[in-house]
Amino acid sequence: MSSSALPSSSIPLFDTVVSYREWRRRARDEKKSVGYVATMGALHDGHLSLVKRSLAENDLTVLSIFVNPAQFAPHEDLATYPRTLPRDLELLSALSIPGPDGTPRTPSAVFVPTVDEMYPSGISQNTQEQKGTFVEVTGYGHQMEGRTRPTFFRGVATVVTKLFNAIEPTRTYFGQKDIQQALLLRRMTRDLLLSHPDPEHLYIVPTTRDPSTSLALSSRNAYLSPYEREHVAPALYAALQAVQSAWEAGVTKAECVQRAQTVIEEKRREAGESVDLRLDYIEINDAESFEVLADPVQREEWEAEAEGRPVILSGAMWVGKTRLIDNIVLGARHTLGIVD
């Protein structure tokens, strides 16, 4: 059952674990598969592509909408992160795809817990003040995004473990835009011997992009001005594409990264003082260990040594006060659980 404080919706809403578990018990009794999409709300077409995938592959589809304070550092944008629940529910209510027998499938339930429900012991954004139980994937969270956001993956692993325990999904779907997060969660499900989902049923869905600019869709794109969104922010993906071309041509990793930096610098000069454009990082990492590839490494050398293991080309940059991330997987991406 849903709380009277929640907006009205044609989709059942649950704001407590107890109420959701009663719904989940009925689904289990009816032997229905449950697909799951975890979100922080402010839904866009990228989220909806995950939902559509779940609708196509499962009897029932559940979403969660929860802005997780544990993954925001004290200086980050927890207070201003977009919260658009009524609109989110309208978008979900409009979704419908035919099931195998032609019967329409629509989202089955939305879990919208409070912070107190998810963190019974309380929660602080300062990790030194936190009390209670937390999950950390040791040795894999300090590279790539972890360099800039050192407590981020601890917060993600903790909340997703809680959500998996509550939702008990048969299958779950994450976007490639957050590739390191998705791969860490796959590893976590394996390390913790989870059955709902097991690692093989955590799917990574390719990034959804703006059809005209190729900008990766993100809830934080709402922070950008129209000029920033259309003319400046797409430089990150352009820089990654420059690296991809150089890597495939046999250029060393160091030179690949330099070419990306050149793309960003050219865009910075073009934008002038009207936009504060700053590159955070562009890097190529081992998709298994997340370790940075050595500067002299070339594609053929890597492929011979790594026996076909792919690499992750990723980057982050600031456009004004908005931090954007993106990535391209170079090599056999299906080995990472990325689906077409």
Protein backbone atom coordinates (compact mmCIF):
# COMPACT_ATOMS: atom_id res chain seq x y z
CA MET A 1 0.00 0.00 0.00
CA SER A 2 1.15 3.55 -0.61
CA SER A 3 1.35 6.49 1.73
CA SER A 4 -1.14 9.33 1.45
CA ALA A 5 1.84 11.70 1.23
CA LEU A 6 2.79 10.25 -2.16
CA PRO A 7 1.37 11.62 -5.41
CA SER A 8 -1.50 9.77 -7.02
CA SER A 9 -0.48 7.27 -9.69
CA SER A 10 -1.94 4.45 -11.73
CA ILE A 11 1.14 2.43 -10.70
CA PRO A 12 1.20 0.96 -7.18
CA LEU A 13 3.61 2.91 -4.97
CA PHE A 14 5.34 1.49 -1.90
CA ASP A 15 7.28 3.60 0.59
CA THR A 16 8.06 0.88 3.15
CA VAL A 17 9.89 -2.40 2.84
CA VAL A 18 7.06 -4.20 4.64
CA SER A 19 4.40 -3.06 2.17
CA TYR A 20 6.56 -3.83 -0.85
CA ARG A 21 7.45 -7.31 0.43
CA GLU A 22 3.81 -8.23 0.66
CA TRP A 23 3.47 -7.35 -3.05
CA ARG A 24 6.67 -9.29 -3.82
CA ARG A 25 5.40 -12.34 -1.94
CA ARG A 26 2.34 -12.48 -4.17
CA ALA A 27 4.51 -12.24 -7.27
CA ARG A 28 6.65 -15.10 -5.98
CA ASP A 29 3.59 -17.21 -5.24
CA GLU A 30 2.41 -16.61 -8.81
CA LYS A 31 5.89 -17.58 -10.08
CA LYS A 32 6.28 -14.24 -11.86
CA SER A 33 9.72 -12.94 -12.87
CA VAL A 34 10.55 -9.45 -11.60
CA GLY A 35 12.76 -7.03 -13.50
CA TYR A 36 14.24 -4.09 -11.62
CA VAL A 37 15.59 -0.65 -12.48
CA ALA A 38 17.21 1.39 -9.69
CA THR A 39 17.05 5.17 -10.17
CA MET A 40 17.37 8.42 -8.26
CA GLY A 41 14.46 9.88 -10.21
CA ALA A 42 14.54 12.84 -12.61
CA LEU A 43 13.85 10.23 -15.26
CA HIS A 44 14.89 10.66 -18.89
CA ASP A 45 14.96 8.50 -22.00
CA GLY A 46 18.03 6.66 -20.72
CA HIS A 47 16.11 5.42 -17.69
CA LEU A 48 13.10 4.61 -19.84
CA SER A 49 15.24 2.47 -22.15
CA LEU A 50 16.14 0.34 -19.11
CA VAL A 51 12.50 0.08 -18.13
CA LYS A 52 11.50 -0.97 -21.65
CA ARG A 53 14.17 -3.66 -21.62
CA SER A 54 12.82 -4.96 -18.32
CA LEU A 55 9.23 -4.90 -19.57
CA ALA A 56 10.25 -6.96 -22.59
CA GLU A 57 12.10 -9.60 -20.55
CA ASN A 58 10.07 -9.98 -17.33
CA ASP A 59 6.52 -10.64 -16.21
CA LEU A 60 6.66 -7.70 -13.80
CA THR A 61 8.86 -4.59 -13.66
CA VAL A 62 9.71 -2.60 -10.53
CA LEU A 63 11.54 0.72 -10.25
CA SER A 64 12.96 2.39 -7.21
CA ILE A 65 13.23 6.15 -6.91
CA PHE A 66 15.54 7.15 -4.08
CA VAL A 67 18.12 9.94 -3.88
CA ASN A 68 20.81 8.20 -1.86
CA PRO A 69 22.62 10.55 0.56
CA ALA A 70 25.42 8.04 1.19
CA GLN A 71 26.84 8.46 -2.32
CA PHE A 72 27.11 12.26 -2.09
CA ALA A 73 30.14 13.81 -0.41
CA PRO A 74 29.39 16.80 1.88
CA HIS A 75 30.39 19.28 -0.85
CA GLU A 76 28.31 17.63 -3.60
CA ASP A 77 24.83 18.38 -4.91
CA LEU A 78 22.53 16.31 -2.69
CA ALA A 79 20.34 19.29 -1.78
CA THR A 80 19.93 20.46 -5.37
CA TYR A 81 19.73 17.10 -7.14
CA PRO A 82 16.57 17.16 -9.32
CA ARG A 83 13.52 15.65 -7.62
CA THR A 84 10.60 15.31 -10.03
CA LEU A 85 8.49 12.43 -8.69
CA PRO A 86 5.08 13.50 -10.13
CA ARG A 87 6.59 13.87 -13.61
CA ASP A 88 8.52 10.62 -13.22
CA LEU A 89 5.31 8.77 -12.45
CA GLU A 90 3.58 10.33 -15.46
CA LEU A 91 6.38 9.12 -17.73
CA LEU A 92 6.20 5.62 -16.29
CA SER A 93 2.41 5.50 -16.53
CA ALA A 94 2.65 6.24 -20.24
CA LEU A 95 5.00 3.31 -20.90
CA SER A 96 3.53 0.18 -22.45
CA ILE A 97 5.00 -2.54 -24.63
CA PRO A 98 3.41 -5.80 -25.82
CA GLY A 99 4.34 -8.96 -23.98
CA PRO A 100 5.00 -12.31 -25.69
CA ASP A 101 1.27 -13.01 -25.94
CA GLY A 102 0.46 -9.48 -27.13
CA THR A 103 -0.89 -8.35 -23.77
CA PRO A 104 0.39 -4.86 -22.87
CA ARG A 105 3.06 -4.71 -20.18
CA THR A 106 3.41 -1.60 -18.04
CA PRO A 107 5.51 -0.83 -14.94
CA SER A 108 4.14 -2.91 -12.08
CA ALA A 109 5.32 -1.06 -8.97
CA VAL A 110 7.51 1.81 -7.81
CA PHE A 111 9.43 1.66 -4.53
CA VAL A 112 9.86 5.18 -3.10
CA PRO A 113 11.37 4.75 0.37
CA THR A 114 12.27 7.54 2.75
CA VAL A 115 15.81 8.08 4.01
CA ASP A 116 14.77 6.73 7.43
CA GLU A 117 13.43 3.57 5.81
CA MET A 118 16.68 2.93 3.96
CA TYR A 119 18.99 3.95 6.80
CA PRO A 120 17.41 2.87 10.11
CA SER A 121 20.61 3.80 11.97
CA GLY A 122 20.64 7.25 10.39
CA ILE A 123 22.98 8.59 7.72
CA SER A 124 25.52 11.38 7.41
CA GLN A 125 27.30 12.45 4.23
CA ASN A 126 30.47 12.55 6.29
CA THR A 127 31.78 8.96 6.35
CA GLN A 128 33.61 9.62 9.64
CA GLU A 129 30.25 10.26 11.33
CA GLN A 130 28.37 7.32 9.86
CA LYS A 131 27.07 4.52 12.07
CA GLY A 132 25.61 1.18 11.07
CA THR A 133 26.35 -1.31 8.30
CA PHE A 134 27.99 -0.34 5.03
CA VAL A 135 29.27 -2.27 2.01
CA GLU A 136 32.60 -1.61 0.32
CA VAL A 137 34.06 -3.32 -2.75
CA THR A 138 37.69 -3.10 -1.69
CA GLY A 139 40.40 -2.45 -4.24
CA TYR A 140 38.12 -1.42 -7.10
CA GLY A 141 36.70 1.93 -6.04
CA HIS A 142 39.71 4.25 -6.03
CA GLN A 143 40.35 4.34 -9.78
CA MET A 144 38.45 6.20 -12.51
CA GLU A 145 35.48 7.90 -10.81
CA GLY A 146 36.84 6.91 -7.41
CA ARG A 147 39.84 9.22 -7.86
CA THR A 148 37.55 12.25 -7.75
CA ARG A 149 34.76 10.78 -5.60
CA PRO A 150 36.52 8.53 -3.06
CA THR A 151 33.41 7.67 -1.00
CA PHE A 152 30.99 7.36 -3.91
CA PHE A 153 31.15 3.61 -4.51
CA ARG A 154 30.84 2.80 -0.81
CA GLY A 155 27.54 4.66 -0.83
CA VAL A 156 26.40 3.00 -4.05
CA ALA A 157 27.33 -0.53 -2.95
CA THR A 158 25.56 -0.02 0.36
CA VAL A 159 22.29 1.30 -1.03
CA VAL A 160 22.13 -1.18 -3.89
CA THR A 161 22.70 -4.10 -1.53
CA LYS A 162 19.78 -2.82 0.55
CA LEU A 163 17.63 -2.36 -2.56
CA PHE A 164 18.45 -5.83 -3.90
CA ASN A 165 17.50 -7.28 -0.51
CA ALA A 166 14.21 -5.41 -0.54
CA ILE A 167 13.25 -5.81 -4.22
CA GLU A 168 14.54 -9.38 -4.81
CA PRO A 169 14.80 -8.95 -8.58
CA THR A 170 15.04 -11.79 -11.05
CA ARG A 171 16.90 -9.48 -13.43
CA THR A 172 18.21 -5.95 -13.02
CA TYR A 173 19.34 -3.30 -15.51
CA PHE A 174 21.95 -0.54 -15.28
CA GLY A 175 23.15 1.98 -17.85
CA GLN A 176 26.60 1.88 -19.43
CA LYS A 177 27.08 5.59 -18.76
CA ASP A 178 27.95 4.56 -15.21
CA ILE A 179 30.12 1.65 -16.37
CA GLN A 180 32.39 1.44 -13.32
CA GLN A 181 29.38 1.42 -11.00
CA ALA A 182 27.67 -1.33 -13.00
CA LEU A 183 30.79 -3.52 -13.09
CA LEU A 184 31.40 -3.02 -9.38
CA LEU A 185 27.83 -4.09 -8.65
CA ARG A 186 28.28 -7.18 -10.80
CA ARG A 187 31.37 -8.05 -8.81
CA MET A 188 29.53 -7.34 -5.55
CA THR A 189 26.68 -9.70 -6.42
CA ARG A 190 29.25 -12.41 -7.11
CA ASP A 191 31.34 -11.77 -4.00
CA LEU A 192 28.30 -11.68 -1.70
CA LEU A 193 26.77 -14.78 -3.32
CA LEU A 194 23.54 -12.93 -4.08
CA SER A 195 20.75 -14.85 -5.76
CA HIS A 196 18.38 -11.94 -6.47
CA PRO A 197 19.97 -11.03 -8.75
CA ASP A 198 22.87 -13.31 -9.48
CA PRO A 199 25.76 -11.73 -11.45
CA GLU A 200 24.65 -13.19 -14.78
CA HIS A 201 21.30 -11.42 -14.49
CA LEU A 202 22.71 -7.95 -13.88
CA TYR A 203 22.62 -6.43 -17.36
CA ILE A 204 24.41 -3.32 -18.60
CA VAL A 205 22.47 -1.45 -21.30
CA PRO A 206 24.28 0.84 -23.80
CA THR A 207 24.21 4.56 -23.08
CA THR A 208 21.28 6.53 -24.48
CA ARG A 209 22.42 9.68 -26.28
CA ASP A 210 20.86 12.87 -27.54
CA PRO A 211 20.11 12.15 -31.21
CA SER A 212 21.46 15.49 -32.41
CA THR A 213 24.53 16.05 -30.20
CA SER A 214 25.41 12.51 -28.96
CA LEU A 215 25.55 13.86 -25.40
CA ALA A 216 24.99 11.03 -22.92
CA LEU A 217 21.63 11.53 -21.25
CA SER A 218 21.89 12.31 -17.54
CA SER A 219 19.64 13.80 -14.88
CA ARG A 220 22.38 16.36 -14.23
CA ASN A 221 22.05 17.66 -17.80
CA ALA A 222 19.14 19.68 -16.38
CA TYR A 223 21.74 21.93 -14.74
CA LEU A 224 23.15 22.96 -18.14
CA SER A 225 22.07 26.02 -20.08
CA PRO A 226 20.80 25.39 -23.64
CA TYR A 227 24.11 26.68 -25.03
CA GLU A 228 26.16 24.48 -22.71
CA ARG A 229 24.05 21.44 -23.48
CA GLU A 230 24.10 21.84 -27.25
CA HIS A 231 27.54 23.30 -27.93
CA VAL A 232 29.91 22.62 -25.03
CA ALA A 233 28.95 19.43 -23.19
CA PRO A 234 29.15 17.21 -26.32
CA ALA A 235 32.92 17.87 -26.39
CA LEU A 236 33.44 15.08 -23.85
CA TYR A 237 32.10 12.38 -26.14
CA ALA A 238 33.97 13.95 -29.08
CA ALA A 239 37.18 13.67 -27.06
CA LEU A 240 36.47 10.01 -26.28
CA GLN A 241 35.81 9.33 -29.95
CA ALA A 242 39.17 10.90 -30.80
CA VAL A 243 40.83 8.49 -28.38
CA GLN A 244 38.93 5.55 -29.84
CA SER A 245 40.13 6.38 -33.36
CA ALA A 246 43.72 6.82 -32.20
CA TRP A 247 43.69 3.59 -30.15
CA GLU A 248 42.32 1.59 -33.05
CA ALA A 249 45.02 3.10 -35.30
CA GLY A 250 47.75 1.77 -33.01
CA VAL A 251 48.69 4.99 -31.20
CA THR A 252 50.14 4.70 -27.68
CA LYS A 253 47.86 5.26 -24.73
CA ALA A 254 49.70 8.44 -23.74
CA GLU A 255 49.22 9.94 -27.22
CA CYS A 256 45.57 8.86 -27.24
CA VAL A 257 44.92 10.75 -24.01
CA GLN A 258 46.79 13.79 -25.35
CA ARG A 259 44.51 13.89 -28.38
CA ALA A 260 41.47 13.93 -26.12
CA GLN A 261 42.94 16.76 -24.07
CA THR A 262 43.47 18.69 -27.30
CA VAL A 263 39.80 18.32 -28.23
CA ILE A 264 38.72 19.69 -24.85
CA GLU A 265 41.23 22.54 -24.99
CA GLU A 266 40.00 23.56 -28.44
CA LYS A 267 36.42 23.62 -27.17
CA ARG A 268 37.51 25.65 -24.13
CA ARG A 269 39.10 28.28 -26.36
CA GLU A 270 36.04 28.33 -28.62
CA ALA A 271 33.68 28.85 -25.68
CA GLY A 272 35.88 31.59 -24.26
CA GLU A 273 34.98 33.16 -20.95
CA SER A 274 31.26 32.48 -21.39
CA VAL A 275 31.64 28.92 -20.04
CA ASP A 276 33.92 27.49 -17.36
CA LEU A 277 35.06 24.27 -19.05
CA ARG A 278 37.48 22.05 -17.11
CA LEU A 279 38.64 18.54 -17.85
CA ASP A 280 38.66 16.25 -14.81
CA TYR A 281 40.22 13.22 -16.47
CA ILE A 282 40.44 11.11 -19.63
CA GLU A 283 41.88 7.64 -19.06
CA ILE A 284 42.05 4.08 -20.39
CA ASN A 285 41.64 1.35 -17.77
CA ASP A 286 41.66 -2.41 -17.63
CA ALA A 287 37.99 -3.47 -17.57
CA GLU A 288 38.74 -6.22 -15.05
CA SER A 289 40.98 -4.50 -12.48
CA PHE A 290 40.27 -0.83 -13.38
CA GLU A 291 44.04 -0.26 -13.28
CA VAL A 292 45.35 2.44 -15.61
CA LEU A 293 47.10 1.20 -18.74
CA ALA A 294 50.77 2.16 -18.98
CA ASP A 295 51.53 5.14 -21.21
CA PRO A 296 53.52 3.21 -23.87
CA VAL A 297 50.86 0.50 -24.38
CA GLN A 298 49.30 0.13 -27.82
CA ARG A 299 46.15 -1.77 -28.80
CA GLU A 300 47.84 -4.78 -30.40
CA GLU A 301 50.18 -5.19 -27.44
CA TRP A 302 47.29 -4.97 -24.99
CA GLU A 303 45.13 -7.45 -26.87
CA ALA A 304 47.97 -9.97 -27.03
CA GLU A 305 48.76 -9.68 -23.32
CA ALA A 306 45.18 -9.45 -22.06
CA GLU A 307 43.84 -12.27 -24.25
CA GLY A 308 41.03 -10.16 -25.64
CA ARG A 309 39.98 -8.48 -22.41
CA PRO A 310 38.39 -5.09 -23.22
CA VAL A 311 39.45 -1.72 -21.87
CA ILE A 312 37.32 1.14 -20.65
CA LEU A 313 37.93 4.56 -22.13
CA SER A 314 36.29 7.03 -19.77
CA GLY A 315 36.29 10.70 -18.96
CA ALA A 316 34.75 13.41 -16.83
CA MET A 317 34.64 17.16 -17.23
CA TRP A 318 33.05 20.18 -15.63
CA VAL A 319 30.80 22.53 -17.58
CA GLY A 320 30.27 25.35 -15.15
CA LYS A 321 29.09 23.69 -11.94
CA THR A 322 27.93 20.52 -13.70
CA ARG A 323 30.15 17.46 -13.76
CA LEU A 324 29.58 15.15 -16.73
CA ILE A 325 30.85 11.59 -17.28
CA ASP A 326 30.95 9.30 -20.30
CA ASN A 327 32.74 6.23 -21.60
CA ILE A 328 33.37 3.92 -24.53
CA VAL A 329 34.24 0.25 -24.13
CA LEU A 330 37.01 -0.77 -26.52
CA GLY A 331 36.98 -4.45 -27.36
CA ALA A 332 34.62 -7.32 -26.59
CA ARG A 333 32.07 -5.44 -24.52
CA HIS A 334 29.69 -8.40 -24.32
CA THR A 335 32.17 -10.05 -21.94
CA LEU A 336 31.31 -7.33 -19.41
CA GLY A 337 27.59 -8.07 -19.46
CA ILE A 338 26.77 -5.26 -21.89
CA VAL A 339 23.74 -6.23 -23.96
CA ASP A 340 22.80 -4.97 -27.42
